[in-house]
Amino acid sequence: MNLSTKIILFFILPVFSILAQDCHNVLKINSDITEANIYLNDSLVSDNGKIELELQDGEYILVANEISDRWNSKSFSDTISISGCEQKNIYYYFKTETLLESIPEDAYVFANDSLIGFTPLKVPNDFRELRITKPGYLEQKIFLSENSPKLVKLDFNGSIKSEPFVNTTMFKVLTGSAIVLGAVTAYFKLEADDKFDEYRFSGNKKFLDETNRYDTISGISLALFQINFGYIIYRFLAE
């Protein structure tokens, strides 16, 4: 190696060394709320929903939690890899929702195997894939990627199938009324028994009249309960 080459390397190598030292990875995290904690490898790095970090090459576990007492507060978890002077930007949507509509309406919306509602429906953007179904129409899958209204047109499959009775509003109403009627029957029967015990103890005819009145109410509610429950059984057997 001649002298001139050595002199050039003497001046150039420190420059490359400085550039290498200035090169670093940058991770920028933002969210649409300020009430959020951000954790990096289980260490709290921000409590206001955003931060910019300089990181060494490697793999990191990132968690963002909404600061809220609500039972359905949101949380995100990601594993990221960063290297080679890379810059990454991550944005978490806690409040943003997508309006999901369908033609025809009242289609079932499933996330995985869980029913989350019926169209039209506002869906949180943390749901990535959804299934849209309706009796008589072909199922469709959609992927949420941005905050814009989604309109799904379901294709008719040539035959209209009746909706299962267990999914109808009538089933929900009948089930709820059966529970109420059962509770009313039990309540007034207990009241009637208590009044009859007081009548036997005191001999006061007033308690006997109240016993008969409570027994009548209990009997009517029991009859309505039996009709209600009988119709539910009939619909199940008819299907």
C-alpha atoms as a PDB file:
ATOM      1  CA  MET A   1       0.000   0.000   0.000  1.00  0.00           C
ATOM      2  CA  ASN A   2       1.602   3.260  -1.113  1.00  0.00           C
ATOM      3  CA  LEU A   3       1.847   6.389   0.978  1.00  0.00           C
ATOM      4  CA  SER A   4      -0.928   8.277  -0.845  1.00  0.00           C
ATOM      5  CA  THR A   5      -3.401   5.437  -0.267  1.00  0.00           C
ATOM      6  CA  LYS A   6      -2.527   5.373   3.419  1.00  0.00           C
ATOM      7  CA  ILE A   7      -3.075   9.116   3.679  1.00  0.00           C
ATOM      8  CA  ILE A   8      -6.515   8.841   1.984  1.00  0.00           C
ATOM      9  CA  LEU A   9      -7.579   5.992   4.266  1.00  0.00           C
ATOM     10  CA  PHE A  10      -6.322   7.930   7.278  1.00  0.00           C
ATOM     11  CA  PHE A  11      -8.788  10.719   6.523  1.00  0.00           C
ATOM     12  CA  ILE A  12     -11.703   8.649   5.144  1.00  0.00           C
ATOM     13  CA  LEU A  13     -11.970   5.846   7.736  1.00  0.00           C
ATOM     14  CA  PRO A  14     -12.735   8.214  10.652  1.00  0.00           C
ATOM     15  CA  VAL A  15     -15.536   9.714   8.561  1.00  0.00           C
ATOM     16  CA  PHE A  16     -17.107   6.280   8.012  1.00  0.00           C
ATOM     17  CA  SER A  17     -16.657   5.535  11.700  1.00  0.00           C
ATOM     18  CA  ILE A  18     -18.529   8.718  12.647  1.00  0.00           C
ATOM     19  CA  LEU A  19     -21.327   7.970  10.177  1.00  0.00           C
ATOM     20  CA  ALA A  20     -21.652   4.446  11.577  1.00  0.00           C
ATOM     21  CA  GLN A  21     -21.918   5.835  15.100  1.00  0.00           C
ATOM     22  CA  ASP A  22     -24.599   8.316  14.029  1.00  0.00           C
ATOM     23  CA  CYS A  23     -26.672   5.538  12.437  1.00  0.00           C
ATOM     24  CA  HIS A  24     -29.370   4.270  14.771  1.00  0.00           C
ATOM     25  CA  ASN A  25     -32.856   2.732  14.703  1.00  0.00           C
ATOM     26  CA  VAL A  26     -35.842   4.950  15.420  1.00  0.00           C
ATOM     27  CA  LEU A  27     -39.260   3.734  16.549  1.00  0.00           C
ATOM     28  CA  LYS A  28     -42.119   6.264  16.551  1.00  0.00           C
ATOM     29  CA  ILE A  29     -45.374   5.317  18.278  1.00  0.00           C
ATOM     30  CA  ASN A  30     -48.567   7.371  18.112  1.00  0.00           C
ATOM     31  CA  SER A  31     -52.221   6.787  18.964  1.00  0.00           C
ATOM     32  CA  ASP A  32     -55.530   8.589  18.612  1.00  0.00           C
ATOM     33  CA  ILE A  33     -55.813   9.124  22.390  1.00  0.00           C
ATOM     34  CA  THR A  34     -53.523  10.539  25.055  1.00  0.00           C
ATOM     35  CA  GLU A  35     -54.808   8.281  27.850  1.00  0.00           C
ATOM     36  CA  ALA A  36     -52.678   5.259  26.928  1.00  0.00           C
ATOM     37  CA  ASN A  37     -49.690   3.495  28.474  1.00  0.00           C
ATOM     38  CA  ILE A  38     -46.996   2.143  26.154  1.00  0.00           C
ATOM     39  CA  TYR A  39     -44.693  -0.664  27.286  1.00  0.00           C
ATOM     40  CA  LEU A  40     -41.522  -1.888  25.621  1.00  0.00           C
ATOM     41  CA  ASN A  41     -40.351  -5.304  26.846  1.00  0.00           C
ATOM     42  CA  ASP A  42     -42.590  -4.915  29.937  1.00  0.00           C
ATOM     43  CA  SER A  43     -41.098  -1.499  30.803  1.00  0.00           C
ATOM     44  CA  LEU A  44     -43.358   1.579  30.771  1.00  0.00           C
ATOM     45  CA  VAL A  45     -41.940   4.060  28.262  1.00  0.00           C
ATOM     46  CA  SER A  46     -44.903   6.451  27.827  1.00  0.00           C
ATOM     47  CA  ASP A  47     -48.167   7.326  29.572  1.00  0.00           C
ATOM     48  CA  ASN A  48     -49.556   9.751  26.965  1.00  0.00           C
ATOM     49  CA  GLY A  49     -50.072   7.485  23.933  1.00  0.00           C
ATOM     50  CA  LYS A  50     -46.988   8.500  21.944  1.00  0.00           C
ATOM     51  CA  ILE A  51     -43.200   8.318  22.049  1.00  0.00           C
ATOM     52  CA  GLU A  52     -40.077   8.292  19.860  1.00  0.00           C
ATOM     53  CA  LEU A  53     -37.330   5.824  20.792  1.00  0.00           C
ATOM     54  CA  GLU A  54     -33.797   5.091  19.610  1.00  0.00           C
ATOM     55  CA  LEU A  55     -33.266   1.330  19.714  1.00  0.00           C
ATOM     56  CA  GLN A  56     -30.478  -1.106  19.103  1.00  0.00           C
ATOM     57  CA  ASP A  57     -30.901  -3.871  16.548  1.00  0.00           C
ATOM     58  CA  GLY A  58     -33.164  -6.593  17.872  1.00  0.00           C
ATOM     59  CA  GLU A  59     -36.677  -7.851  18.545  1.00  0.00           C
ATOM     60  CA  TYR A  60     -38.999  -6.035  20.950  1.00  0.00           C
ATOM     61  CA  ILE A  61     -42.412  -6.696  22.515  1.00  0.00           C
ATOM     62  CA  LEU A  62     -44.635  -3.647  22.305  1.00  0.00           C
ATOM     63  CA  VAL A  63     -47.868  -3.232  24.309  1.00  0.00           C
ATOM     64  CA  ALA A  64     -50.283  -0.278  24.287  1.00  0.00           C
ATOM     65  CA  ASN A  65     -53.061  -0.158  26.893  1.00  0.00           C
ATOM     66  CA  GLU A  66     -55.923   2.312  27.120  1.00  0.00           C
ATOM     67  CA  ILE A  67     -56.015   3.979  30.543  1.00  0.00           C
ATOM     68  CA  SER A  68     -59.659   3.430  31.483  1.00  0.00           C
ATOM     69  CA  ASP A  69     -61.888   1.806  34.099  1.00  0.00           C
ATOM     70  CA  ARG A  70     -64.238   0.500  31.391  1.00  0.00           C
ATOM     71  CA  TRP A  71     -64.569  -3.267  31.211  1.00  0.00           C
ATOM     72  CA  ASN A  72     -63.959  -3.188  27.448  1.00  0.00           C
ATOM     73  CA  SER A  73     -60.920  -0.900  27.408  1.00  0.00           C
ATOM     74  CA  LYS A  74     -58.664  -1.673  24.462  1.00  0.00           C
ATOM     75  CA  SER A  75     -55.186  -3.120  24.378  1.00  0.00           C
ATOM     76  CA  PHE A  76     -52.726  -3.853  21.562  1.00  0.00           C
ATOM     77  CA  SER A  77     -49.715  -6.158  21.549  1.00  0.00           C
ATOM     78  CA  ASP A  78     -47.064  -6.487  18.830  1.00  0.00           C
ATOM     79  CA  THR A  79     -43.663  -8.057  18.374  1.00  0.00           C
ATOM     80  CA  ILE A  80     -41.415  -5.925  16.168  1.00  0.00           C
ATOM     81  CA  SER A  81     -37.956  -6.429  14.703  1.00  0.00           C
ATOM     82  CA  ILE A  82     -35.776  -3.442  13.891  1.00  0.00           C
ATOM     83  CA  SER A  83     -32.249  -3.260  12.491  1.00  0.00           C
ATOM     84  CA  GLY A  84     -29.924  -1.534  10.051  1.00  0.00           C
ATOM     85  CA  CYS A  85     -30.653   2.111  10.850  1.00  0.00           C
ATOM     86  CA  GLU A  86     -34.361   1.441  10.313  1.00  0.00           C
ATOM     87  CA  GLN A  87     -37.164   3.874  11.121  1.00  0.00           C
ATOM     88  CA  LYS A  88     -40.577   2.446  11.993  1.00  0.00           C
ATOM     89  CA  ASN A  89     -43.834   4.284  12.579  1.00  0.00           C
ATOM     90  CA  ILE A  90     -46.643   2.541  14.460  1.00  0.00           C
ATOM     91  CA  TYR A  91     -50.098   4.030  15.007  1.00  0.00           C
ATOM     92  CA  TYR A  92     -52.709   2.578  17.362  1.00  0.00           C
ATOM     93  CA  TYR A  93     -56.394   3.357  16.835  1.00  0.00           C
ATOM     94  CA  PHE A  94     -58.281   3.163  20.126  1.00  0.00           C
ATOM     95  CA  LYS A  95     -61.379   5.176  19.219  1.00  0.00           C
ATOM     96  CA  THR A  96     -61.625   4.990  15.450  1.00  0.00           C
ATOM     97  CA  GLU A  97     -64.443   2.838  14.091  1.00  0.00           C
ATOM     98  CA  THR A  98     -65.606   1.823  10.643  1.00  0.00           C
ATOM     99  CA  LEU A  99     -69.261   2.023   9.658  1.00  0.00           C
ATOM    100  CA  LEU A 100     -70.169  -1.334   8.164  1.00  0.00           C
ATOM    101  CA  GLU A 101     -73.305  -1.520   6.009  1.00  0.00           C
ATOM    102  CA  SER A 102     -74.776  -4.240   3.855  1.00  0.00           C
ATOM    103  CA  ILE A 103     -77.355  -4.778   1.130  1.00  0.00           C
ATOM    104  CA  PRO A 104     -79.660  -6.218   2.386  1.00  0.00           C
ATOM    105  CA  GLU A 105     -79.428  -4.915   5.949  1.00  0.00           C
ATOM    106  CA  ASP A 106     -79.589  -6.913   9.215  1.00  0.00           C
ATOM    107  CA  ALA A 107     -76.777  -9.222   8.141  1.00  0.00           C
ATOM    108  CA  TYR A 108     -74.813 -11.063  10.819  1.00  0.00           C
ATOM    109  CA  VAL A 109     -71.300  -9.745  11.505  1.00  0.00           C
ATOM    110  CA  PHE A 110     -68.810 -12.270  12.910  1.00  0.00           C
ATOM    111  CA  ALA A 111     -65.276 -11.728  14.181  1.00  0.00           C
ATOM    112  CA  ASN A 112     -63.706 -15.181  14.175  1.00  0.00           C
ATOM    113  CA  ASP A 113     -66.613 -17.280  15.500  1.00  0.00           C
ATOM    114  CA  SER A 114     -68.166 -14.569  17.689  1.00  0.00           C
ATOM    115  CA  LEU A 115     -71.265 -12.634  16.621  1.00  0.00           C
ATOM    116  CA  ILE A 116     -70.576  -8.938  17.259  1.00  0.00           C
ATOM    117  CA  GLY A 117     -73.762  -7.424  15.816  1.00  0.00           C
ATOM    118  CA  PHE A 118     -75.965  -6.769  12.801  1.00  0.00           C
ATOM    119  CA  THR A 119     -75.552  -4.312   9.950  1.00  0.00           C
ATOM    120  CA  PRO A 120     -75.479  -1.351   9.917  1.00  0.00           C
ATOM    121  CA  LEU A 121     -72.807  -1.560  12.603  1.00  0.00           C
ATOM    122  CA  LYS A 122     -69.845   0.523  13.772  1.00  0.00           C
ATOM    123  CA  VAL A 123     -66.865  -1.805  14.065  1.00  0.00           C
ATOM    124  CA  PRO A 124     -63.588  -1.007  15.893  1.00  0.00           C
ATOM    125  CA  ASN A 125     -60.653  -0.987  13.486  1.00  0.00           C
ATOM    126  CA  ASP A 126     -58.701  -3.468  15.578  1.00  0.00           C
ATOM    127  CA  PHE A 127     -60.874  -6.149  13.952  1.00  0.00           C
ATOM    128  CA  ARG A 128     -58.861  -7.120  10.888  1.00  0.00           C
ATOM    129  CA  GLU A 129     -61.126  -9.733   9.276  1.00  0.00           C
ATOM    130  CA  LEU A 130     -64.912 -10.036   9.478  1.00  0.00           C
ATOM    131  CA  ARG A 131     -67.504 -12.450   8.087  1.00  0.00           C
ATOM    132  CA  ILE A 132     -70.840 -11.123   6.835  1.00  0.00           C
ATOM    133  CA  THR A 133     -73.667 -13.665   6.577  1.00  0.00           C
ATOM    134  CA  LYS A 134     -77.431 -13.657   6.104  1.00  0.00           C
ATOM    135  CA  PRO A 135     -79.849 -16.542   5.440  1.00  0.00           C
ATOM    136  CA  GLY A 136     -80.445 -16.833   1.694  1.00  0.00           C
ATOM    137  CA  TYR A 137     -77.219 -15.023   0.733  1.00  0.00           C
ATOM    138  CA  LEU A 138     -73.616 -16.032   0.120  1.00  0.00           C
ATOM    139  CA  GLU A 139     -71.168 -15.339   2.935  1.00  0.00           C
ATOM    140  CA  GLN A 140     -68.564 -12.630   2.394  1.00  0.00           C
ATOM    141  CA  LYS A 141     -65.289 -11.862   4.149  1.00  0.00           C
ATOM    142  CA  ILE A 142     -63.966  -8.327   4.427  1.00  0.00           C
ATOM    143  CA  PHE A 143     -60.705  -6.847   5.686  1.00  0.00           C
ATOM    144  CA  LEU A 144     -60.656  -3.521   7.519  1.00  0.00           C
ATOM    145  CA  SER A 145     -57.758  -1.341   6.471  1.00  0.00           C
ATOM    146  CA  GLU A 146     -58.842   2.282   6.821  1.00  0.00           C
ATOM    147  CA  ASN A 147     -61.462   4.453   8.519  1.00  0.00           C
ATOM    148  CA  SER A 148     -64.028   4.703   5.736  1.00  0.00           C
ATOM    149  CA  PRO A 149     -67.632   3.478   5.349  1.00  0.00           C
ATOM    150  CA  LYS A 150     -67.859  -0.071   4.063  1.00  0.00           C
ATOM    151  CA  LEU A 151     -70.792  -1.230   1.971  1.00  0.00           C
ATOM    152  CA  VAL A 152     -71.053  -4.979   1.418  1.00  0.00           C
ATOM    153  CA  LYS A 153     -73.412  -6.288  -1.242  1.00  0.00           C
ATOM    154  CA  LEU A 154     -74.456  -9.843  -0.467  1.00  0.00           C
ATOM    155  CA  ASP A 155     -75.213 -12.142  -3.413  1.00  0.00           C
ATOM    156  CA  PHE A 156     -78.518 -14.008  -3.352  1.00  0.00           C
ATOM    157  CA  ASN A 157     -77.932 -17.766  -3.403  1.00  0.00           C
ATOM    158  CA  GLY A 158     -81.250 -18.676  -5.017  1.00  0.00           C
ATOM    159  CA  SER A 159     -83.160 -19.789  -1.933  1.00  0.00           C
ATOM    160  CA  ILE A 160     -84.426 -17.949   1.096  1.00  0.00           C
ATOM    161  CA  LYS A 161     -83.983 -19.897   4.276  1.00  0.00           C
ATOM    162  CA  SER A 162     -85.976 -18.982   7.293  1.00  0.00           C
ATOM    163  CA  GLU A 163     -83.964 -17.582  10.135  1.00  0.00           C
ATOM    164  CA  PRO A 164     -83.399 -20.041  13.011  1.00  0.00           C
ATOM    165  CA  PHE A 165     -85.973 -19.434  15.738  1.00  0.00           C
ATOM    166  CA  VAL A 166     -83.264 -19.092  18.383  1.00  0.00           C
ATOM    167  CA  ASN A 167     -81.872 -16.057  16.506  1.00  0.00           C
ATOM    168  CA  THR A 168     -85.187 -14.238  16.160  1.00  0.00           C
ATOM    169  CA  THR A 169     -86.392 -11.324  18.249  1.00  0.00           C
ATOM    170  CA  MET A 170     -89.513 -13.318  19.150  1.00  0.00           C
ATOM    171  CA  PHE A 171     -87.388 -16.014  20.828  1.00  0.00           C
ATOM    172  CA  LYS A 172     -85.629 -13.380  22.924  1.00  0.00           C
ATOM    173  CA  VAL A 173     -88.947 -11.791  23.918  1.00  0.00           C
ATOM    174  CA  LEU A 174     -90.535 -15.143  24.781  1.00  0.00           C
ATOM    175  CA  THR A 175     -87.507 -16.248  26.790  1.00  0.00           C
ATOM    176  CA  GLY A 176     -87.431 -12.989  28.734  1.00  0.00           C
ATOM    177  CA  SER A 177     -91.172 -13.072  29.430  1.00  0.00           C
ATOM    178  CA  ALA A 178     -90.937 -16.716  30.539  1.00  0.00           C
ATOM    179  CA  ILE A 179     -88.317 -15.752  33.108  1.00  0.00           C
ATOM    180  CA  VAL A 180     -90.457 -12.853  34.344  1.00  0.00           C
ATOM    181  CA  LEU A 181     -93.621 -14.978  34.546  1.00  0.00           C
ATOM    182  CA  GLY A 182     -91.770 -17.718  36.415  1.00  0.00           C
ATOM    183  CA  ALA A 183     -90.460 -15.209  38.920  1.00  0.00           C
ATOM    184  CA  VAL A 184     -93.936 -13.638  39.370  1.00  0.00           C
ATOM    185  CA  THR A 185     -95.512 -17.068  39.899  1.00  0.00           C
ATOM    186  CA  ALA A 186     -92.954 -18.013  42.542  1.00  0.00           C
ATOM    187  CA  TYR A 187     -93.193 -14.645  44.310  1.00  0.00           C
ATOM    188  CA  PHE A 188     -96.982 -14.585  44.671  1.00  0.00           C
ATOM    189  CA  LYS A 189     -97.095 -18.272  45.640  1.00  0.00           C
ATOM    190  CA  LEU A 190     -94.683 -17.577  48.486  1.00  0.00           C
ATOM    191  CA  GLU A 191     -96.747 -14.541  49.503  1.00  0.00           C
ATOM    192  CA  ALA A 192     -99.897 -16.666  49.497  1.00  0.00           C
ATOM    193  CA  ASP A 193     -98.230 -19.295  51.712  1.00  0.00           C
ATOM    194  CA  ASP A 194     -97.076 -16.615  54.154  1.00  0.00           C
ATOM    195  CA  LYS A 195    -100.582 -15.081  54.374  1.00  0.00           C
ATOM    196  CA  PHE A 196    -102.154 -18.497  54.898  1.00  0.00           C
ATOM    197  CA  ASP A 197     -99.737 -19.185  57.764  1.00  0.00           C
ATOM    198  CA  GLU A 198    -100.753 -15.868  59.325  1.00  0.00           C
ATOM    199  CA  TYR A 199    -104.437 -16.793  58.877  1.00  0.00           C
ATOM    200  CA  ARG A 200    -103.949 -20.132  60.630  1.00  0.00           C
ATOM    201  CA  PHE A 201    -102.113 -18.428  63.458  1.00  0.00           C
ATOM    202  CA  SER A 202    -104.495 -15.483  63.954  1.00  0.00           C
ATOM    203  CA  GLY A 203    -107.783 -16.668  62.426  1.00  0.00           C
ATOM    204  CA  ASN A 204    -108.162 -13.216  60.837  1.00  0.00           C
ATOM    205  CA  LYS A 205    -110.219 -13.561  57.635  1.00  0.00           C
ATOM    206  CA  LYS A 206    -108.320 -10.665  56.082  1.00  0.00           C
ATOM    207  CA  PHE A 207    -105.275 -12.914  55.709  1.00  0.00           C
ATOM    208  CA  LEU A 208    -107.414 -15.605  54.088  1.00  0.00           C
ATOM    209  CA  ASP A 209    -108.703 -13.101  51.519  1.00  0.00           C
ATOM    210  CA  GLU A 210    -105.143 -12.008  50.769  1.00  0.00           C
ATOM    211  CA  THR A 211    -104.137 -15.668  50.430  1.00  0.00           C
ATOM    212  CA  ASN A 212    -106.859 -16.240  47.832  1.00  0.00           C
ATOM    213  CA  ARG A 213    -105.872 -13.078  45.950  1.00  0.00           C
ATOM    214  CA  TYR A 214    -102.202 -14.027  45.806  1.00  0.00           C
ATOM    215  CA  ASP A 215    -103.101 -17.577  44.799  1.00  0.00           C
ATOM    216  CA  THR A 216    -105.221 -16.226  41.935  1.00  0.00           C
ATOM    217  CA  ILE A 217    -102.413 -14.006  40.660  1.00  0.00           C
ATOM    218  CA  SER A 218     -99.938 -16.873  40.976  1.00  0.00           C
ATOM    219  CA  GLY A 219    -102.286 -19.211  39.089  1.00  0.00           C
ATOM    220  CA  ILE A 220    -102.785 -16.738  36.213  1.00  0.00           C
ATOM    221  CA  SER A 221     -99.055 -16.106  35.837  1.00  0.00           C
ATOM    222  CA  LEU A 222     -98.388 -19.855  35.961  1.00  0.00           C
ATOM    223  CA  ALA A 223    -100.901 -20.450  33.150  1.00  0.00           C
ATOM    224  CA  LEU A 224     -99.278 -17.707  31.049  1.00  0.00           C
ATOM    225  CA  PHE A 225     -95.854 -19.181  31.757  1.00  0.00           C
ATOM    226  CA  GLN A 226     -97.007 -22.616  30.583  1.00  0.00           C
ATOM    227  CA  ILE A 227     -98.467 -21.156  27.365  1.00  0.00           C
ATOM    228  CA  ASN A 228     -95.287 -19.179  26.761  1.00  0.00           C
ATOM    229  CA  PHE A 229     -92.976 -22.126  27.388  1.00  0.00           C
ATOM    230  CA  GLY A 230     -95.199 -24.456  25.392  1.00  0.00           C
ATOM    231  CA  TYR A 231     -94.977 -22.192  22.345  1.00  0.00           C
ATOM    232  CA  ILE A 232     -91.167 -22.103  22.595  1.00  0.00           C
ATOM    233  CA  ILE A 233     -91.085 -25.930  22.656  1.00  0.00           C
ATOM    234  CA  TYR A 234     -93.512 -26.067  19.709  1.00  0.00           C
ATOM    235  CA  ARG A 235     -91.304 -23.776  17.596  1.00  0.00           C
ATOM    236  CA  PHE A 236     -88.208 -25.848  18.336  1.00  0.00           C
ATOM    237  CA  LEU A 237     -90.016 -29.075  17.414  1.00  0.00           C
ATOM    238  CA  ALA A 238     -91.441 -27.463  14.265  1.00  0.00           C
ATOM    239  CA  GLU A 239     -87.916 -26.712  13.025  1.00  0.00           C
END
